[in-house]
Structures are given as C-alpha cells and as structure tokens.
C-alpha cells in the first residue's frame, strides 16, 4: 500500500504495510539510520522520534499512525548539529558508546519544547524510560540543563 509520510519536512512515498513499525520505515526504506533499534518493545528509548513534536517510540508505532503528522528524526532535529542539545552533548562529552544518544536527545528536545527550564527532577522523570547501558546519566542531565540555559535552537 502506498503511504506518504512527512519526515523531516520532506514527503516520502512508501509502499508499506500500514502496520509496519515506523522505525523500520525510517531506517530501512527512507535510509535515516540515526534512530536506533534497541529492544523492539518500547522499553529502552533508543528509537525515540517526534510525532508532531511529541516523543514517541518508533519501534511500536505503526506507520499508519504517522500519516498526516510531522515526523522528526535526529537527522531533522538540526541537520548541522546546531541544536542546543547537540552542542551541549558534544561540549560535555556525553556519549560513551553513543547507541542510546539519539533517543536521549529526542526525548530531551521534546521536554525542552514543553518546559524550557526544567528542574533536575523533571529532567530525570522525562528521561527515566531511556536506558543508557554506559551509565552516562549524570552527563546527560548536565547537557540538558546546559541546553536549557542556552535557550531555543538558533
């Protein structure tokens, strides 16, 4: 079935089953590999993307749910890496292995869009469902705090 999705501001016509997980359409059909497969059960957060600005787990979100909505991946957050979160991530050397980082950043970006100056507790609560096997949680919180102090993306 032909389905058109708006991904990172560009229309993508895909011949897919509407029940296919959005993650696979993004990665395998569109070729945007920044969104990662972690668990396939919405438990780890590696696959977080934005659907109309809301953080969603793309591994359990069917393609049909994205029709008529804006899908944003880590590649679309800021193609040149200038988003305050991306800059803070680099400056504070947040990633260790890096596998979970796009999901962490996308979840944090959704938080900052709603709460531009979140408390440490709000950051922890928002990111609680995103697993970092390397344990960089302290650096993640510091980067989100730094980005919130910088203000919106330029």
C-alpha atoms as a PDB file:
ATOM      1  CA  UNK A   1       0.000   0.000   0.000  1.00  0.00           C
ATOM      2  CA  UNK A   2       1.351   3.429  -0.898  1.00  0.00           C
ATOM      3  CA  UNK A   3       1.583   5.731   2.105  1.00  0.00           C
ATOM      4  CA  UNK A   4       3.049   9.231   2.189  1.00  0.00           C
ATOM      5  CA  UNK A   5       4.809  10.358   5.353  1.00  0.00           C
ATOM      6  CA  UNK A   6       6.215  13.804   6.122  1.00  0.00           C
ATOM      7  CA  UNK A   7       9.669  13.055   7.554  1.00  0.00           C
ATOM      8  CA  UNK A   8      11.986  15.912   8.484  1.00  0.00           C
ATOM      9  CA  UNK A   9       9.968  18.286   6.316  1.00  0.00           C
ATOM     10  CA  UNK A  10      10.092  16.090   3.219  1.00  0.00           C
ATOM     11  CA  UNK A  11       7.299  13.935   1.821  1.00  0.00           C
ATOM     12  CA  UNK A  12       8.281  10.290   1.490  1.00  0.00           C
ATOM     13  CA  UNK A  13       6.059   7.962  -0.574  1.00  0.00           C
ATOM     14  CA  UNK A  14       6.444   4.442   0.791  1.00  0.00           C
ATOM     15  CA  UNK A  15       4.966   1.154  -0.346  1.00  0.00           C
ATOM     16  CA  UNK A  16       4.444  -0.435   3.076  1.00  0.00           C
ATOM     17  CA  UNK A  17       2.033  -2.320   5.263  1.00  0.00           C
ATOM     18  CA  UNK A  18       0.338   0.337   7.429  1.00  0.00           C
ATOM     19  CA  UNK A  19       1.074  -1.833  10.486  1.00  0.00           C
ATOM     20  CA  UNK A  20       4.828  -1.841   9.858  1.00  0.00           C
ATOM     21  CA  UNK A  21       6.706  -0.227  12.780  1.00  0.00           C
ATOM     22  CA  UNK A  22       7.642   3.340  11.900  1.00  0.00           C
ATOM     23  CA  UNK A  23      11.226   2.598  12.943  1.00  0.00           C
ATOM     24  CA  UNK A  24      11.722   0.213  10.012  1.00  0.00           C
ATOM     25  CA  UNK A  25      10.176   2.593   7.511  1.00  0.00           C
ATOM     26  CA  UNK A  26      12.500   5.372   8.720  1.00  0.00           C
ATOM     27  CA  UNK A  27      15.653   3.252   8.797  1.00  0.00           C
ATOM     28  CA  UNK A  28      15.221   0.697   6.028  1.00  0.00           C
ATOM     29  CA  UNK A  29      13.083   2.499   3.477  1.00  0.00           C
ATOM     30  CA  UNK A  30      13.996   6.162   3.945  1.00  0.00           C
ATOM     31  CA  UNK A  31      17.608   5.454   4.964  1.00  0.00           C
ATOM     32  CA  UNK A  32      17.724   7.611   8.091  1.00  0.00           C
ATOM     33  CA  UNK A  33      19.756   5.446  10.446  1.00  0.00           C
ATOM     34  CA  UNK A  34      20.201   7.842  13.376  1.00  0.00           C
ATOM     35  CA  UNK A  35      17.113   6.366  15.030  1.00  0.00           C
ATOM     36  CA  UNK A  36      18.229   3.108  16.629  1.00  0.00           C
ATOM     37  CA  UNK A  37      16.629  -0.269  17.286  1.00  0.00           C
ATOM     38  CA  UNK A  38      17.135  -1.226  20.900  1.00  0.00           C
ATOM     39  CA  UNK A  39      14.524  -3.564  22.293  1.00  0.00           C
ATOM     40  CA  UNK A  40      11.539  -3.533  19.939  1.00  0.00           C
ATOM     41  CA  UNK A  41       9.179  -3.252  22.905  1.00  0.00           C
ATOM     42  CA  UNK A  42       9.243   0.486  23.765  1.00  0.00           C
ATOM     43  CA  UNK A  43      11.302  -0.204  26.891  1.00  0.00           C
ATOM     44  CA  UNK A  44      14.686   1.383  26.157  1.00  0.00           C
ATOM     45  CA  UNK A  45      14.108   4.654  24.283  1.00  0.00           C
ATOM     46  CA  UNK A  46      16.763   4.181  21.581  1.00  0.00           C
ATOM     47  CA  UNK A  47      14.088   4.572  18.887  1.00  0.00           C
ATOM     48  CA  UNK A  48      12.530   7.856  20.054  1.00  0.00           C
ATOM     49  CA  UNK A  49      11.400  10.231  17.314  1.00  0.00           C
ATOM     50  CA  UNK A  50       8.946  13.132  17.352  1.00  0.00           C
ATOM     51  CA  UNK A  51       5.439  12.869  16.003  1.00  0.00           C
ATOM     52  CA  UNK A  52       4.077  16.423  15.842  1.00  0.00           C
ATOM     53  CA  UNK A  53       6.665  17.359  18.466  1.00  0.00           C
ATOM     54  CA  UNK A  54       5.748  14.564  20.887  1.00  0.00           C
ATOM     55  CA  UNK A  55       8.359  11.951  21.771  1.00  0.00           C
ATOM     56  CA  UNK A  56       7.192   8.505  20.637  1.00  0.00           C
ATOM     57  CA  UNK A  57       8.790   5.061  20.495  1.00  0.00           C
ATOM     58  CA  UNK A  58       9.009   4.308  16.796  1.00  0.00           C
ATOM     59  CA  UNK A  59       9.599   0.578  17.318  1.00  0.00           C
ATOM     60  CA  UNK A  60       5.956   0.109  18.394  1.00  0.00           C
ATOM     61  CA  UNK A  61       4.339   2.941  16.449  1.00  0.00           C
ATOM     62  CA  UNK A  62       2.699   1.705  13.245  1.00  0.00           C
ATOM     63  CA  UNK A  63       3.313   3.671  10.059  1.00  0.00           C
ATOM     64  CA  UNK A  64      -0.441   4.398   9.803  1.00  0.00           C
ATOM     65  CA  UNK A  65      -0.251   6.492  12.989  1.00  0.00           C
ATOM     66  CA  UNK A  66       2.211   8.896  11.329  1.00  0.00           C
ATOM     67  CA  UNK A  67       0.090   9.608   8.246  1.00  0.00           C
ATOM     68  CA  UNK A  68      -0.856  13.288   8.225  1.00  0.00           C
ATOM     69  CA  UNK A  69       1.594  14.127  11.005  1.00  0.00           C
ATOM     70  CA  UNK A  70       5.077  15.613  11.086  1.00  0.00           C
ATOM     71  CA  UNK A  71       7.763  13.016  11.819  1.00  0.00           C
ATOM     72  CA  UNK A  72      11.105  14.334  13.051  1.00  0.00           C
ATOM     73  CA  UNK A  73      14.161  12.150  13.497  1.00  0.00           C
ATOM     74  CA  UNK A  74      17.529  13.045  14.999  1.00  0.00           C
ATOM     75  CA  UNK A  75      18.654  13.979  11.471  1.00  0.00           C
ATOM     76  CA  UNK A  76      15.808  16.501  11.246  1.00  0.00           C
ATOM     77  CA  UNK A  77      16.263  17.994  14.726  1.00  0.00           C
ATOM     78  CA  UNK A  78      19.145  20.037  13.383  1.00  0.00           C
ATOM     79  CA  UNK A  79      20.907  18.791  10.270  1.00  0.00           C
ATOM     80  CA  UNK A  80      24.019  20.837  11.022  1.00  0.00           C
ATOM     81  CA  UNK A  81      24.235  19.876  14.715  1.00  0.00           C
ATOM     82  CA  UNK A  82      23.443  23.375  15.945  1.00  0.00           C
ATOM     83  CA  UNK A  83      20.552  22.464  18.249  1.00  0.00           C
ATOM     84  CA  UNK A  84      21.496  23.455  21.827  1.00  0.00           C
ATOM     85  CA  UNK A  85      21.203  19.828  22.953  1.00  0.00           C
ATOM     86  CA  UNK A  86      23.533  18.619  20.228  1.00  0.00           C
ATOM     87  CA  UNK A  87      26.071  21.324  21.081  1.00  0.00           C
ATOM     88  CA  UNK A  88      25.833  20.556  24.812  1.00  0.00           C
ATOM     89  CA  UNK A  89      26.228  16.827  24.128  1.00  0.00           C
ATOM     90  CA  UNK A  90      29.491  17.465  22.289  1.00  0.00           C
ATOM     91  CA  UNK A  91      30.813  20.083  24.704  1.00  0.00           C
ATOM     92  CA  UNK A  92      30.193  17.893  27.764  1.00  0.00           C
ATOM     93  CA  UNK A  93      31.371  14.679  26.064  1.00  0.00           C
ATOM     94  CA  UNK A  94      28.117  12.931  26.945  1.00  0.00           C
ATOM     95  CA  UNK A  95      28.273   9.792  24.798  1.00  0.00           C
ATOM     96  CA  UNK A  96      30.326   6.803  25.646  1.00  0.00           C
ATOM     97  CA  UNK A  97      29.239   4.134  23.162  1.00  0.00           C
ATOM     98  CA  UNK A  98      26.620   6.527  21.755  1.00  0.00           C
ATOM     99  CA  UNK A  99      23.962   3.962  20.877  1.00  0.00           C
ATOM    100  CA  UNK A 100      21.190   5.454  23.031  1.00  0.00           C
ATOM    101  CA  UNK A 101      22.090   9.069  22.413  1.00  0.00           C
ATOM    102  CA  UNK A 102      19.713   9.944  19.573  1.00  0.00           C
ATOM    103  CA  UNK A 103      16.804   8.671  21.671  1.00  0.00           C
ATOM    104  CA  UNK A 104      18.079  10.586  24.695  1.00  0.00           C
ATOM    105  CA  UNK A 105      18.418  13.804  22.677  1.00  0.00           C
ATOM    106  CA  UNK A 106      14.998  13.451  21.030  1.00  0.00           C
ATOM    107  CA  UNK A 107      13.334  12.815  24.399  1.00  0.00           C
ATOM    108  CA  UNK A 108      15.157  15.803  25.906  1.00  0.00           C
ATOM    109  CA  UNK A 109      14.191  18.012  22.942  1.00  0.00           C
ATOM    110  CA  UNK A 110      10.504  17.187  23.463  1.00  0.00           C
ATOM    111  CA  UNK A 111      10.909  18.043  27.162  1.00  0.00           C
ATOM    112  CA  UNK A 112      12.588  21.392  26.439  1.00  0.00           C
ATOM    113  CA  UNK A 113       9.880  22.284  23.918  1.00  0.00           C
ATOM    114  CA  UNK A 114       7.307  21.939  26.714  1.00  0.00           C
ATOM    115  CA  UNK A 115       9.420  23.006  29.704  1.00  0.00           C
ATOM    116  CA  UNK A 116      12.222  25.329  28.551  1.00  0.00           C
ATOM    117  CA  UNK A 117      13.729  25.476  32.061  1.00  0.00           C
ATOM    118  CA  UNK A 118      13.137  22.039  33.608  1.00  0.00           C
ATOM    119  CA  UNK A 119      14.328  21.127  37.068  1.00  0.00           C
ATOM    120  CA  UNK A 120      16.746  18.248  37.605  1.00  0.00           C
ATOM    121  CA  UNK A 121      13.810  16.162  38.833  1.00  0.00           C
ATOM    122  CA  UNK A 122      11.813  16.957  35.673  1.00  0.00           C
ATOM    123  CA  UNK A 123      14.779  16.005  33.502  1.00  0.00           C
ATOM    124  CA  UNK A 124      15.212  12.735  35.381  1.00  0.00           C
ATOM    125  CA  UNK A 125      11.489  11.968  35.169  1.00  0.00           C
ATOM    126  CA  UNK A 126      11.320  12.742  31.439  1.00  0.00           C
ATOM    127  CA  UNK A 127      14.356  10.614  30.608  1.00  0.00           C
ATOM    128  CA  UNK A 128      13.594   7.795  33.069  1.00  0.00           C
ATOM    129  CA  UNK A 129      12.438   5.495  30.279  1.00  0.00           C
ATOM    130  CA  UNK A 130      15.601   5.957  28.226  1.00  0.00           C
ATOM    131  CA  UNK A 131      18.255   3.414  29.095  1.00  0.00           C
ATOM    132  CA  UNK A 132      21.947   4.175  28.814  1.00  0.00           C
ATOM    133  CA  UNK A 133      23.908   0.982  29.335  1.00  0.00           C
ATOM    134  CA  UNK A 134      27.103   3.006  29.756  1.00  0.00           C
ATOM    135  CA  UNK A 135      25.568   4.953  32.643  1.00  0.00           C
ATOM    136  CA  UNK A 136      26.150   8.491  31.363  1.00  0.00           C
ATOM    137  CA  UNK A 137      23.031   9.766  33.149  1.00  0.00           C
ATOM    138  CA  UNK A 138      24.877  12.475  35.081  1.00  0.00           C
ATOM    139  CA  UNK A 139      26.381  13.897  31.872  1.00  0.00           C
ATOM    140  CA  UNK A 140      23.026  13.595  30.090  1.00  0.00           C
ATOM    141  CA  UNK A 141      21.301  15.639  32.817  1.00  0.00           C
ATOM    142  CA  UNK A 142      24.126  18.210  32.731  1.00  0.00           C
ATOM    143  CA  UNK A 143      23.786  18.561  28.943  1.00  0.00           C
ATOM    144  CA  UNK A 144      20.015  19.008  29.129  1.00  0.00           C
ATOM    145  CA  UNK A 145      20.497  21.639  31.837  1.00  0.00           C
ATOM    146  CA  UNK A 146      23.151  23.425  29.762  1.00  0.00           C
ATOM    147  CA  UNK A 147      20.902  23.408  26.686  1.00  0.00           C
ATOM    148  CA  UNK A 148      18.004  24.796  28.719  1.00  0.00           C
ATOM    149  CA  UNK A 149      20.207  27.659  29.896  1.00  0.00           C
ATOM    150  CA  UNK A 150      21.172  28.414  26.286  1.00  0.00           C
ATOM    151  CA  UNK A 151      17.597  28.724  25.153  1.00  0.00           C
ATOM    152  CA  UNK A 152      15.921  27.636  21.921  1.00  0.00           C
ATOM    153  CA  UNK A 153      17.798  26.434  18.878  1.00  0.00           C
ATOM    154  CA  UNK A 154      19.216  29.156  16.648  1.00  0.00           C
END
